Amino acid sequence: MKGSGFWITSDGGRSWQWIGSLTSVYSGEKPIRYISALAVSPLEREVIYAGTDPSAMFKSENFGRSWVELTSFRDLPSAPTWSFPPEPSTSHIKWIEPDPIVYGRVFVAVEAGALVRTIDGGHTWEDRLPDSPYDSHTLATHPLAPHKLYSAAGDGVSNPGRGYNESMDAGLTWQRPNEGLEHHYLWGLAVDSGNPDIVVVSGASTPWKAHNIGVAESFIYRREKDSPWQKVTQGLPPIIGTIVWRLVADVSRAGTFYALSNKELYMSEDTGLSWRQIHLPSSIKPTEPLGIAVGPDEK
């Protein structure tokens, strides 16, 4: 749901309470159109980060009941160049990835134009580096891989081989293992919760074929350690008419992934090698899903 406010649940989603808006703490020239990204810090107590369109960053230290704008974010030197191609007068925060190991370190992807980071919880920000991904759609970190950062990006459309990116030093330098990838506009990305060397990504040949249902053709690839990428098809629906997949790893069950598109929800329990459909309720009809999340098992 697009908007500039927040709802909170304390009973597993059975009921929701409105807890306020970002409008009152935002100091930018253009009004907030909607909240485009949200992330809960795994290390900072009660901290939630939020990103908006136009691109701005906010932080709550009490589970969303009050917010402050991280104003230095909008002062980054690259900010005037950020622009979303379908709506070039604006840009938005595409992904927020708090580090699971280093307190206060957070990575933020702007669509389009930058991958930036903070190392002090958002008080100050480090601007994009020349070789960093420009158009990241999904970021990931892993508690078993300190300082490793993964990026699925649209950069590969104009520069084949730059769709998948990974950094071993928290975004300072990058490498791009792309052997086996035949489609370079990457969208979704998930890392096996039990093994940081097993990665699945989703992508298409162009943004048009990723998001337009009339011509959609999207794919899922899997990679393990230093092996080439492998296209995965077992158990998945035909590619024709399939909007690009949203991917997530099950944090409680190693080797388990979920994939969601307009062709319903699919699950893999063998590290992404094969998939099976999970039928959604008839009241849920995904067209182009905005997100998917899996929480830890309740004890």
Protein backbone atom coordinates (compact mmCIF):
# COMPACT_ATOMS: atom_id res chain seq x y z
CA MET A 1 0.00 0.00 0.00
CA LYS A 2 1.50 3.31 -1.04
CA GLY A 3 1.51 6.08 1.54
CA SER A 4 3.73 7.90 4.01
CA GLY A 5 2.50 6.27 7.21
CA PHE A 6 2.87 3.11 9.27
CA TRP A 7 0.76 0.40 10.83
CA ILE A 8 1.95 -1.99 13.54
CA THR A 9 0.73 -5.39 14.68
CA SER A 10 1.44 -7.16 17.97
CA ASP A 11 -0.66 -10.28 17.36
CA GLY A 12 0.90 -11.80 14.26
CA GLY A 13 -1.07 -9.70 11.80
CA ARG A 14 -4.58 -10.39 13.08
CA SER A 15 -5.07 -6.71 13.91
CA TRP A 16 -3.26 -3.49 13.02
CA GLN A 17 -2.85 -0.08 14.61
CA TRP A 18 -2.03 3.18 12.81
CA ILE A 19 1.07 4.73 14.41
CA GLY A 20 1.73 7.83 12.34
CA SER A 21 3.28 9.37 9.26
CA LEU A 22 6.70 10.59 8.11
CA THR A 23 5.32 13.83 6.73
CA SER A 24 5.77 15.82 9.94
CA VAL A 25 9.51 15.08 10.20
CA TYR A 26 10.40 15.41 6.51
CA SER A 27 12.19 18.58 5.45
CA GLY A 28 12.59 18.06 1.70
CA GLU A 29 11.28 20.36 -1.01
CA LYS A 30 9.11 17.73 -2.75
CA PRO A 31 6.34 16.05 -0.71
CA ILE A 32 6.67 12.37 0.17
CA ARG A 33 4.74 10.26 -2.32
CA TYR A 34 5.11 6.91 -0.58
CA ILE A 35 7.28 4.68 1.59
CA SER A 36 9.30 2.50 -0.75
CA ALA A 37 11.49 0.45 1.62
CA LEU A 38 11.47 -0.68 5.24
CA ALA A 39 13.95 -2.69 7.32
CA VAL A 40 14.25 -3.74 10.96
CA SER A 41 17.77 -3.66 12.37
CA PRO A 42 18.90 -7.06 13.68
CA LEU A 43 21.38 -5.42 16.08
CA GLU A 44 20.10 -1.96 17.05
CA ARG A 45 17.41 -2.30 19.70
CA GLU A 46 13.91 -1.31 18.50
CA VAL A 47 15.38 0.37 15.39
CA ILE A 48 13.55 0.50 12.06
CA TYR A 49 14.79 2.24 8.92
CA ALA A 50 12.44 3.59 6.25
CA GLY A 51 13.05 4.99 2.77
CA THR A 52 10.73 7.00 0.57
CA ASP A 53 9.98 8.51 -2.82
CA PRO A 54 11.46 11.05 -3.29
CA SER A 55 14.66 9.54 -1.92
CA ALA A 56 15.00 10.21 1.79
CA MET A 57 15.90 8.09 4.81
CA PHE A 58 14.23 7.92 8.23
CA LYS A 59 14.93 6.10 11.49
CA SER A 60 12.80 5.05 14.43
CA GLU A 61 14.29 3.90 17.73
CA ASN A 62 10.99 2.78 19.30
CA PHE A 63 9.52 0.30 16.79
CA GLY A 64 8.01 2.97 14.57
CA ARG A 65 6.12 5.07 17.11
CA SER A 66 8.24 8.13 16.33
CA TRP A 67 10.67 8.97 13.55
CA VAL A 68 13.54 11.29 12.68
CA GLU A 69 14.78 12.10 9.21
CA LEU A 70 18.42 11.24 8.50
CA THR A 71 18.89 14.55 6.71
CA SER A 72 22.54 14.09 5.77
CA PHE A 73 21.42 11.38 3.36
CA ARG A 74 19.90 13.96 1.00
CA ASP A 75 23.16 15.95 1.10
CA LEU A 76 25.22 13.23 -0.59
CA PRO A 77 27.09 14.66 -3.61
CA SER A 78 25.50 12.16 -6.00
CA ALA A 79 21.93 12.96 -4.90
CA PRO A 80 21.17 15.46 -7.70
CA THR A 81 21.89 12.73 -10.27
CA TRP A 82 19.46 10.14 -8.86
CA SER A 83 16.57 9.50 -11.23
CA PHE A 84 14.04 6.70 -11.81
CA PRO A 85 13.82 6.13 -15.60
CA PRO A 86 10.00 5.73 -15.85
CA GLU A 87 9.58 8.91 -13.76
CA PRO A 88 12.81 10.85 -14.25
CA SER A 89 11.79 13.75 -12.00
CA THR A 90 12.08 11.55 -8.93
CA SER A 91 13.92 8.59 -7.42
CA HIS A 92 13.22 6.33 -4.47
CA ILE A 93 14.86 4.09 -1.91
CA LYS A 94 14.70 0.60 -3.40
CA TRP A 95 16.32 -1.47 -0.65
CA ILE A 96 17.63 -1.06 2.90
CA GLU A 97 19.98 -3.73 4.24
CA PRO A 98 21.13 -3.40 7.87
CA ASP A 99 24.31 -5.35 8.54
CA PRO A 100 23.68 -8.48 10.67
CA ILE A 101 27.14 -8.37 12.28
CA VAL A 102 28.42 -4.77 12.40
CA TYR A 103 26.38 -2.46 14.64
CA GLY A 104 25.14 0.68 12.88
CA ARG A 105 26.28 -0.30 9.40
CA VAL A 106 23.47 -0.05 6.84
CA PHE A 107 23.50 -0.33 3.04
CA VAL A 108 20.95 1.55 0.94
CA ALA A 109 20.13 1.20 -2.76
CA VAL A 110 18.61 4.17 -4.57
CA GLU A 111 16.61 3.52 -7.74
CA ALA A 112 18.31 4.63 -9.72
CA GLY A 113 21.74 6.02 -9.15
CA ALA A 114 23.55 4.82 -6.06
CA LEU A 115 24.47 2.18 -3.52
CA VAL A 116 25.56 4.02 -0.37
CA ARG A 117 26.26 3.11 3.24
CA THR A 118 26.41 4.43 6.76
CA ILE A 119 28.62 3.07 9.52
CA ASP A 120 27.07 5.05 12.38
CA GLY A 121 23.36 4.29 12.16
CA GLY A 122 22.57 7.00 9.64
CA HIS A 123 24.19 10.05 11.24
CA THR A 124 26.63 10.27 8.35
CA TRP A 125 26.70 8.62 4.92
CA GLU A 126 29.36 7.46 2.47
CA ASP A 127 28.53 8.16 -1.17
CA ARG A 128 28.60 5.69 -4.04
CA LEU A 129 31.97 4.51 -5.32
CA PRO A 130 32.83 4.55 -9.04
CA ASP A 131 32.72 0.77 -9.53
CA SER A 132 29.72 0.05 -7.29
CA PRO A 133 26.35 -1.10 -8.68
CA TYR A 134 24.30 1.80 -10.01
CA ASP A 135 20.79 0.30 -10.10
CA SER A 136 20.52 -2.32 -7.33
CA HIS A 137 17.07 -3.87 -6.95
CA THR A 138 17.87 -6.24 -4.08
CA LEU A 139 20.70 -6.30 -1.54
CA ALA A 140 21.61 -9.08 0.86
CA THR A 141 24.04 -9.78 3.69
CA HIS A 142 24.63 -12.97 5.67
CA PRO A 143 25.51 -13.55 9.34
CA LEU A 144 27.94 -16.32 8.35
CA ALA A 145 29.80 -14.12 5.84
CA PRO A 146 31.14 -11.03 7.61
CA HIS A 147 31.52 -7.97 5.35
CA LYS A 148 30.02 -9.73 2.30
CA LEU A 149 27.38 -7.78 0.37
CA TYR A 150 25.30 -9.15 -2.51
CA SER A 151 23.51 -7.06 -5.16
CA ALA A 152 21.04 -7.96 -7.93
CA ALA A 153 21.00 -5.00 -10.28
CA GLY A 154 19.63 -3.67 -13.53
CA ASP A 155 23.12 -2.57 -14.58
CA GLY A 156 23.47 -5.65 -16.78
CA VAL A 157 20.97 -4.36 -19.36
CA SER A 158 23.44 -1.79 -20.69
CA ASN A 159 26.56 -3.59 -19.40
CA PRO A 160 26.12 -7.38 -19.64
CA GLY A 161 27.93 -9.11 -16.82
CA ARG A 162 27.16 -6.43 -14.25
CA GLY A 163 23.75 -7.68 -13.15
CA TYR A 164 25.06 -9.79 -10.26
CA ASN A 165 27.55 -8.12 -7.94
CA GLU A 166 29.23 -9.16 -4.71
CA SER A 167 31.63 -7.41 -2.40
CA MET A 168 33.85 -9.07 0.19
CA ASP A 169 34.72 -5.81 1.98
CA ALA A 170 31.32 -4.24 2.72
CA GLY A 171 30.96 -2.47 -0.59
CA LEU A 172 34.40 -0.95 -1.07
CA THR A 173 35.35 -3.20 -4.00
CA TRP A 174 33.26 -5.47 -6.21
CA GLN A 175 33.50 -8.66 -8.23
CA ARG A 176 30.96 -9.98 -10.73
CA PRO A 177 30.93 -13.74 -11.25
CA ASN A 178 28.49 -14.06 -14.16
CA GLU A 179 29.42 -17.28 -15.98
CA GLY A 180 26.19 -19.04 -16.94
CA LEU A 181 23.93 -15.99 -16.65
CA GLU A 182 22.07 -15.48 -19.93
CA HIS A 183 19.73 -12.75 -18.65
CA HIS A 184 21.34 -9.68 -17.15
CA TYR A 185 18.48 -7.55 -15.81
CA LEU A 186 18.45 -8.99 -12.29
CA TRP A 187 15.72 -8.32 -9.78
CA GLY A 188 15.33 -10.77 -6.88
CA LEU A 189 18.11 -12.25 -4.80
CA ALA A 190 18.22 -14.57 -1.79
CA VAL A 191 21.03 -16.36 0.04
CA ASP A 192 20.62 -19.73 1.74
CA SER A 193 20.32 -19.04 5.47
CA GLY A 194 22.62 -21.97 6.21
CA ASN A 195 25.22 -21.42 3.50
CA PRO A 196 26.35 -17.99 2.23
CA ASP A 197 27.81 -19.62 -0.89
CA ILE A 198 24.38 -20.67 -2.25
CA VAL A 199 22.60 -17.81 -4.02
CA VAL A 200 19.45 -17.65 -6.14
CA VAL A 201 18.55 -14.70 -8.34
CA SER A 202 15.71 -13.80 -10.67
CA GLY A 203 15.91 -11.79 -13.83
CA ALA A 204 14.94 -11.16 -17.43
CA SER A 205 16.53 -9.84 -20.58
CA THR A 206 15.06 -6.33 -20.21
CA PRO A 207 12.93 -4.34 -17.74
CA TRP A 208 10.05 -4.59 -20.23
CA LYS A 209 10.14 -8.39 -20.19
CA ALA A 210 10.52 -8.41 -16.42
CA HIS A 211 7.51 -6.28 -15.53
CA ASN A 212 5.07 -6.14 -18.46
CA ILE A 213 2.69 -9.10 -18.29
CA GLY A 214 1.96 -8.96 -22.02
CA VAL A 215 5.54 -9.86 -22.94
CA ALA A 216 6.91 -11.12 -19.60
CA GLU A 217 9.58 -13.81 -19.59
CA SER A 218 11.45 -14.21 -16.32
CA PHE A 219 13.92 -16.76 -15.00
CA ILE A 220 15.47 -18.06 -11.79
CA TYR A 221 19.16 -18.92 -11.57
CA ARG A 222 21.13 -20.68 -8.85
CA ARG A 223 24.84 -20.60 -8.00
CA GLU A 224 26.86 -22.54 -5.43
CA LYS A 225 30.29 -21.32 -4.39
CA ASP A 226 32.53 -20.90 -7.47
CA SER A 227 30.38 -22.88 -9.91
CA PRO A 228 28.71 -21.22 -12.93
CA TRP A 229 25.12 -20.01 -12.62
CA GLN A 230 22.50 -22.62 -13.52
CA LYS A 231 19.04 -21.79 -14.86
CA VAL A 232 16.42 -23.52 -12.70
CA THR A 233 13.17 -24.79 -14.21
CA GLN A 234 12.13 -27.92 -12.29
CA GLY A 235 8.70 -27.38 -10.76
CA LEU A 236 8.38 -23.78 -11.96
CA PRO A 237 5.67 -22.56 -14.38
CA PRO A 238 6.37 -21.70 -18.04
CA ILE A 239 8.44 -18.58 -18.45
CA ILE A 240 6.01 -16.98 -20.90
CA GLY A 241 3.81 -14.51 -19.05
CA THR A 242 5.74 -14.80 -15.78
CA ILE A 243 6.54 -11.48 -14.11
CA VAL A 244 10.00 -11.34 -12.54
CA TRP A 245 10.19 -13.29 -9.27
CA ARG A 246 10.48 -11.95 -5.72
CA LEU A 247 12.76 -14.25 -3.72
CA VAL A 248 13.36 -14.85 -0.01
CA ALA A 249 15.29 -17.39 2.05
CA ASP A 250 13.71 -19.05 5.08
CA VAL A 251 15.74 -17.79 8.04
CA SER A 252 14.76 -20.80 10.19
CA ARG A 253 15.28 -23.61 7.69
CA ALA A 254 18.53 -23.89 5.80
CA GLY A 255 18.15 -24.74 2.14
CA THR A 256 14.61 -23.37 1.88
CA PHE A 257 13.58 -20.58 -0.48
CA TYR A 258 10.31 -18.98 -1.58
CA ALA A 259 9.56 -17.35 -4.94
CA LEU A 260 6.51 -15.19 -5.70
CA SER A 261 5.28 -13.80 -9.00
CA ASN A 262 1.97 -13.41 -10.81
CA LYS A 263 2.10 -17.22 -11.19
CA GLU A 264 1.52 -17.79 -7.45
CA LEU A 265 3.92 -18.80 -4.67
CA TYR A 266 6.58 -21.48 -5.04
CA MET A 267 8.83 -23.17 -2.49
CA SER A 268 12.18 -24.96 -2.71
CA GLU A 269 13.48 -27.20 0.06
CA ASP A 270 16.62 -28.36 -1.74
CA THR A 271 18.63 -25.12 -1.95
CA GLY A 272 16.81 -23.89 -5.04
CA LEU A 273 17.35 -26.90 -7.29
CA SER A 274 13.64 -27.74 -7.61
CA TRP A 275 10.38 -26.00 -6.69
CA ARG A 276 6.76 -26.80 -5.89
CA GLN A 277 3.70 -24.59 -5.91
CA ILE A 278 2.04 -23.43 -2.70
CA HIS A 279 -1.53 -22.47 -3.47
CA LEU A 280 -2.52 -19.07 -2.15
CA PRO A 281 -6.07 -18.33 -0.93
CA SER A 282 -8.44 -17.45 -3.77
CA SER A 283 -8.78 -13.94 -2.31
CA ILE A 284 -5.08 -13.28 -3.01
CA LYS A 285 -4.36 -12.62 -6.67
CA PRO A 286 -0.77 -11.44 -7.16
CA THR A 287 -0.17 -9.35 -10.26
CA GLU A 288 3.32 -7.94 -9.67
CA PRO A 289 4.06 -8.53 -5.97
CA LEU A 290 5.92 -5.76 -4.19
CA GLY A 291 7.54 -8.01 -1.61
CA ILE A 292 7.64 -11.26 0.32
CA ALA A 293 8.94 -11.98 3.83
CA VAL A 294 9.44 -15.05 5.99
CA GLY A 295 9.85 -14.70 9.74
CA PRO A 296 11.61 -17.04 12.17
CA ASP A 297 9.75 -20.05 13.52
CA GLU A 298 7.89 -19.35 16.76
CA LYS A 299 9.25 -21.28 19.71
